[in-house]
Each structure stands twice: as C-alpha cells, then as structure tokens.
C-alpha cells in the first residue's frame, strides 16, 4: 500500500496500469453519487507518466513501481 510519502513517484494499480501518484484523499466523496447517498472512502489519484487521463482507485491496491 502507498501513502502520502509516495506522491510524485511511479506506482502500479491492481490492473497493472502504471503512472505517477498525484494525491491521496482519505475521505473522498464521488460527486456523481446522489447528494444524500454519498459515502466517504479513501482514493488515490494517478496520472499516466506521458500524459493522458488521470484515474482514481483504492489506495490499498496500489504499490510503488
């Protein structure tokens, strides 16, 4: 598992995708969930190394690459 000390470093998610860890939010709420039905959960934000679309995932499934 990664933590805030890994921000800016290369990481790999559970699906084998690699990228740069941009941030970890321990209490993220998905804005696409209904306003009164949002749950807080930890999320890691990862960007592809050479540009592209950032993605988010459960930080417990991310390791430093």
C-alpha atoms as a PDB file:
ATOM      1  CA  UNK A   1       0.000   0.000   0.000  1.00  0.00           C
ATOM      2  CA  UNK A   2       1.132   3.536  -0.729  1.00  0.00           C
ATOM      3  CA  UNK A   3       0.873   6.644   1.452  1.00  0.00           C
ATOM      4  CA  UNK A   4       1.353  10.406   1.089  1.00  0.00           C
ATOM      5  CA  UNK A   5       5.155   9.918   1.019  1.00  0.00           C
ATOM      6  CA  UNK A   6       4.735   8.235  -2.380  1.00  0.00           C
ATOM      7  CA  UNK A   7       3.159  11.275  -4.065  1.00  0.00           C
ATOM      8  CA  UNK A   8       5.162  12.150  -7.170  1.00  0.00           C
ATOM      9  CA  UNK A   9       6.528   8.620  -7.550  1.00  0.00           C
ATOM     10  CA  UNK A  10       5.742   5.889 -10.074  1.00  0.00           C
ATOM     11  CA  UNK A  11       3.067   3.456  -8.873  1.00  0.00           C
ATOM     12  CA  UNK A  12       1.121   0.470 -10.191  1.00  0.00           C
ATOM     13  CA  UNK A  13      -2.545  -0.308  -9.591  1.00  0.00           C
ATOM     14  CA  UNK A  14      -4.243  -3.702  -9.255  1.00  0.00           C
ATOM     15  CA  UNK A  15      -4.901  -3.810 -13.021  1.00  0.00           C
ATOM     16  CA  UNK A  16      -1.218  -3.374 -13.916  1.00  0.00           C
ATOM     17  CA  UNK A  17      -1.556   0.242 -15.025  1.00  0.00           C
ATOM     18  CA  UNK A  18       1.409   2.414 -14.068  1.00  0.00           C
ATOM     19  CA  UNK A  19       1.521   6.142 -13.521  1.00  0.00           C
ATOM     20  CA  UNK A  20       2.530   8.924 -11.188  1.00  0.00           C
ATOM     21  CA  UNK A  21       0.732   9.202  -7.852  1.00  0.00           C
ATOM     22  CA  UNK A  22      -0.717  12.726  -7.694  1.00  0.00           C
ATOM     23  CA  UNK A  23      -2.653  12.668  -4.422  1.00  0.00           C
ATOM     24  CA  UNK A  24      -4.419  10.554  -1.827  1.00  0.00           C
ATOM     25  CA  UNK A  25      -7.718  11.687  -0.338  1.00  0.00           C
ATOM     26  CA  UNK A  26      -8.663   9.678   2.767  1.00  0.00           C
ATOM     27  CA  UNK A  27     -12.299  10.833   2.715  1.00  0.00           C
ATOM     28  CA  UNK A  28     -13.232  11.334  -0.939  1.00  0.00           C
ATOM     29  CA  UNK A  29     -16.893  11.549  -1.970  1.00  0.00           C
ATOM     30  CA  UNK A  30     -17.777  10.716  -5.584  1.00  0.00           C
ATOM     31  CA  UNK A  31     -19.583  13.780  -7.000  1.00  0.00           C
ATOM     32  CA  UNK A  32     -21.550  11.514  -9.362  1.00  0.00           C
ATOM     33  CA  UNK A  33     -23.263   9.805  -6.400  1.00  0.00           C
ATOM     34  CA  UNK A  34     -26.629  11.247  -5.308  1.00  0.00           C
ATOM     35  CA  UNK A  35     -26.074  14.120  -2.829  1.00  0.00           C
ATOM     36  CA  UNK A  36     -27.748  12.385   0.129  1.00  0.00           C
ATOM     37  CA  UNK A  37     -26.278   8.983  -0.648  1.00  0.00           C
ATOM     38  CA  UNK A  38     -22.541   9.716  -0.834  1.00  0.00           C
ATOM     39  CA  UNK A  39     -20.066   7.583   1.063  1.00  0.00           C
ATOM     40  CA  UNK A  40     -16.590   8.674   2.038  1.00  0.00           C
ATOM     41  CA  UNK A  41     -13.767   6.375   1.039  1.00  0.00           C
ATOM     42  CA  UNK A  42     -10.013   6.646   0.530  1.00  0.00           C
ATOM     43  CA  UNK A  43      -8.919   7.273  -3.061  1.00  0.00           C
ATOM     44  CA  UNK A  44      -5.560   7.507  -4.853  1.00  0.00           C
ATOM     45  CA  UNK A  45      -5.309   9.769  -7.917  1.00  0.00           C
ATOM     46  CA  UNK A  46      -2.859   8.557 -10.574  1.00  0.00           C
ATOM     47  CA  UNK A  47      -1.774  10.194 -13.850  1.00  0.00           C
ATOM     48  CA  UNK A  48      -0.197   8.402 -16.808  1.00  0.00           C
ATOM     49  CA  UNK A  49       3.549   9.066 -16.992  1.00  0.00           C
ATOM     50  CA  UNK A  50       3.474  10.522 -20.510  1.00  0.00           C
ATOM     51  CA  UNK A  51       0.189  12.383 -20.370  1.00  0.00           C
ATOM     52  CA  UNK A  52      -3.383  11.272 -20.662  1.00  0.00           C
ATOM     53  CA  UNK A  53      -6.391  10.952 -18.451  1.00  0.00           C
ATOM     54  CA  UNK A  54      -5.952  10.730 -14.687  1.00  0.00           C
ATOM     55  CA  UNK A  55      -7.754   7.896 -12.889  1.00  0.00           C
ATOM     56  CA  UNK A  56      -8.574   7.094  -9.301  1.00  0.00           C
ATOM     57  CA  UNK A  57      -8.525   3.839  -7.392  1.00  0.00           C
ATOM     58  CA  UNK A  58      -8.461   2.308  -3.927  1.00  0.00           C
ATOM     59  CA  UNK A  59      -5.045   3.150  -2.430  1.00  0.00           C
ATOM     60  CA  UNK A  60      -4.830  -0.229  -0.687  1.00  0.00           C
ATOM     61  CA  UNK A  61      -4.478  -1.857  -4.117  1.00  0.00           C
ATOM     62  CA  UNK A  62      -1.637   0.430  -5.294  1.00  0.00           C
ATOM     63  CA  UNK A  63       2.057  -0.334  -4.908  1.00  0.00           C
ATOM     64  CA  UNK A  64       5.187   1.628  -5.682  1.00  0.00           C
ATOM     65  CA  UNK A  65       6.610   0.565  -9.069  1.00  0.00           C
END
